[in-house]
C-alpha atoms as a PDB file:
ATOM      1  CA  UNK A   1      34.765   4.019  97.360  1.00  0.00           C
ATOM      2  CA  UNK A   2      31.756   3.001  95.315  1.00  0.00           C
ATOM      3  CA  UNK A   3      32.083   2.251  91.637  1.00  0.00           C
ATOM      4  CA  UNK A   4      29.148   2.541  89.250  1.00  0.00           C
ATOM      5  CA  UNK A   5      29.085   1.127  85.729  1.00  0.00           C
ATOM      6  CA  UNK A   6      26.723   1.860  82.882  1.00  0.00           C
ATOM      7  CA  UNK A   7      24.434   3.343  81.773  1.00  0.00           C
ATOM      8  CA  UNK A   8      22.242   0.314  81.088  1.00  0.00           C
ATOM      9  CA  UNK A   9      18.712   0.073  79.718  1.00  0.00           C
ATOM     10  CA  UNK A  10      15.963  -1.084  82.103  1.00  0.00           C
ATOM     11  CA  UNK A  11      14.274  -4.131  80.537  1.00  0.00           C
ATOM     12  CA  UNK A  12      11.671  -4.866  83.241  1.00  0.00           C
ATOM     13  CA  UNK A  13      10.536  -3.227  86.452  1.00  0.00           C
ATOM     14  CA  UNK A  14       9.052  -5.023  89.469  1.00  0.00           C
ATOM     15  CA  UNK A  15       7.726  -2.164  91.659  1.00  0.00           C
ATOM     16  CA  UNK A  16       6.181  -4.525  94.216  1.00  0.00           C
ATOM     17  CA  UNK A  17       9.658  -5.782  95.150  1.00  0.00           C
ATOM     18  CA  UNK A  18      11.708  -2.690  94.078  1.00  0.00           C
ATOM     19  CA  UNK A  19      13.659  -4.833  91.581  1.00  0.00           C
ATOM     20  CA  UNK A  20      14.795  -3.921  88.070  1.00  0.00           C
ATOM     21  CA  UNK A  21      16.152  -6.117  85.278  1.00  0.00           C
ATOM     22  CA  UNK A  22      18.833  -4.422  83.176  1.00  0.00           C
ATOM     23  CA  UNK A  23      20.113  -5.136  79.693  1.00  0.00           C
ATOM     24  CA  UNK A  24      23.725  -6.160  80.408  1.00  0.00           C
ATOM     25  CA  UNK A  25      26.419  -6.987  77.816  1.00  0.00           C
ATOM     26  CA  UNK A  26      26.715 -10.632  76.798  1.00  0.00           C
ATOM     27  CA  UNK A  27      30.196 -10.849  78.320  1.00  0.00           C
ATOM     28  CA  UNK A  28      28.829 -10.083  81.774  1.00  0.00           C
ATOM     29  CA  UNK A  29      28.524 -12.998  84.218  1.00  0.00           C
ATOM     30  CA  UNK A  30      26.318 -10.923  86.527  1.00  0.00           C
ATOM     31  CA  UNK A  31      22.658 -11.755  87.152  1.00  0.00           C
ATOM     32  CA  UNK A  32      20.764  -8.877  85.475  1.00  0.00           C
ATOM     33  CA  UNK A  33      18.218  -8.129  88.255  1.00  0.00           C
ATOM     34  CA  UNK A  34      19.052  -5.566  90.952  1.00  0.00           C
ATOM     35  CA  UNK A  35      17.325  -3.976  93.940  1.00  0.00           C
ATOM     36  CA  UNK A  36      16.724  -0.238  93.566  1.00  0.00           C
ATOM     37  CA  UNK A  37      19.159   0.461  96.434  1.00  0.00           C
ATOM     38  CA  UNK A  38      22.005  -0.800  94.183  1.00  0.00           C
ATOM     39  CA  UNK A  39      21.083   1.410  91.220  1.00  0.00           C
ATOM     40  CA  UNK A  40      21.806   5.050  90.558  1.00  0.00           C
ATOM     41  CA  UNK A  41      20.307   7.443  87.999  1.00  0.00           C
ATOM     42  CA  UNK A  42      22.639   8.162  85.094  1.00  0.00           C
ATOM     43  CA  UNK A  43      23.596  11.821  84.760  1.00  0.00           C
ATOM     44  CA  UNK A  44      25.395  12.753  81.577  1.00  0.00           C
ATOM     45  CA  UNK A  45      28.456  14.961  82.025  1.00  0.00           C
ATOM     46  CA  UNK A  46      27.902  18.667  81.428  1.00  0.00           C
ATOM     47  CA  UNK A  47      31.115  19.817  79.677  1.00  0.00           C
ATOM     48  CA  UNK A  48      30.449  23.425  80.719  1.00  0.00           C
ATOM     49  CA  UNK A  49      30.629  22.475  84.413  1.00  0.00           C
ATOM     50  CA  UNK A  50      33.268  19.731  84.202  1.00  0.00           C
ATOM     51  CA  UNK A  51      35.361  20.194  81.023  1.00  0.00           C
ATOM     52  CA  UNK A  52      38.089  17.792  82.201  1.00  0.00           C
ATOM     53  CA  UNK A  53      35.674  14.869  82.706  1.00  0.00           C
ATOM     54  CA  UNK A  54      34.972  14.225  79.030  1.00  0.00           C
ATOM     55  CA  UNK A  55      35.687  10.583  78.161  1.00  0.00           C
ATOM     56  CA  UNK A  56      37.615  10.102  74.957  1.00  0.00           C
ATOM     57  CA  UNK A  57      36.740   7.216  72.643  1.00  0.00           C
ATOM     58  CA  UNK A  58      39.606   4.712  72.566  1.00  0.00           C
ATOM     59  CA  UNK A  59      41.648   4.369  69.399  1.00  0.00           C
ATOM     60  CA  UNK A  60      42.566   1.134  67.654  1.00  0.00           C
ATOM     61  CA  UNK A  61      44.615  -1.550  69.360  1.00  0.00           C
ATOM     62  CA  UNK A  62      48.135  -1.590  67.930  1.00  0.00           C
ATOM     63  CA  UNK A  63      49.496  -5.107  67.567  1.00  0.00           C
ATOM     64  CA  UNK A  64      53.185  -5.966  68.196  1.00  0.00           C
ATOM     65  CA  UNK A  65      53.779  -6.020  64.411  1.00  0.00           C
ATOM     66  CA  UNK A  66      52.544  -2.395  64.164  1.00  0.00           C
ATOM     67  CA  UNK A  67      49.193  -3.240  62.537  1.00  0.00           C
ATOM     68  CA  UNK A  68      46.025  -1.535  63.826  1.00  0.00           C
ATOM     69  CA  UNK A  69      43.300  -3.876  65.091  1.00  0.00           C
ATOM     70  CA  UNK A  70      39.621  -2.895  65.111  1.00  0.00           C
ATOM     71  CA  UNK A  71      36.584  -4.708  66.524  1.00  0.00           C
ATOM     72  CA  UNK A  72      33.571  -5.542  64.314  1.00  0.00           C
ATOM     73  CA  UNK A  73      30.313  -3.891  65.466  1.00  0.00           C
ATOM     74  CA  UNK A  74      28.025  -5.945  63.225  1.00  0.00           C
ATOM     75  CA  UNK A  75      28.033  -8.105  60.110  1.00  0.00           C
ATOM     76  CA  UNK A  76      25.794  -6.564  57.453  1.00  0.00           C
ATOM     77  CA  UNK A  77      25.974  -9.291  54.782  1.00  0.00           C
ATOM     78  CA  UNK A  78      27.424 -12.728  54.205  1.00  0.00           C
END
């Protein structure tokens, strides 16, 4: 079974060698360049065709003490 992750933004294309460099998350330890044979076009889910395939956004992480924990997206001021 093949597993695909993403979608990711293409940062650079090298058509002469069929290679693409993707914008991967900072936590990834993967080299960001891939041959076209390893990539697949992203197709967004059509809820009219596949209503049960809608991905829900995860809620907060509940700590053992019952407190909700959220992750910071960005710092806007110091």
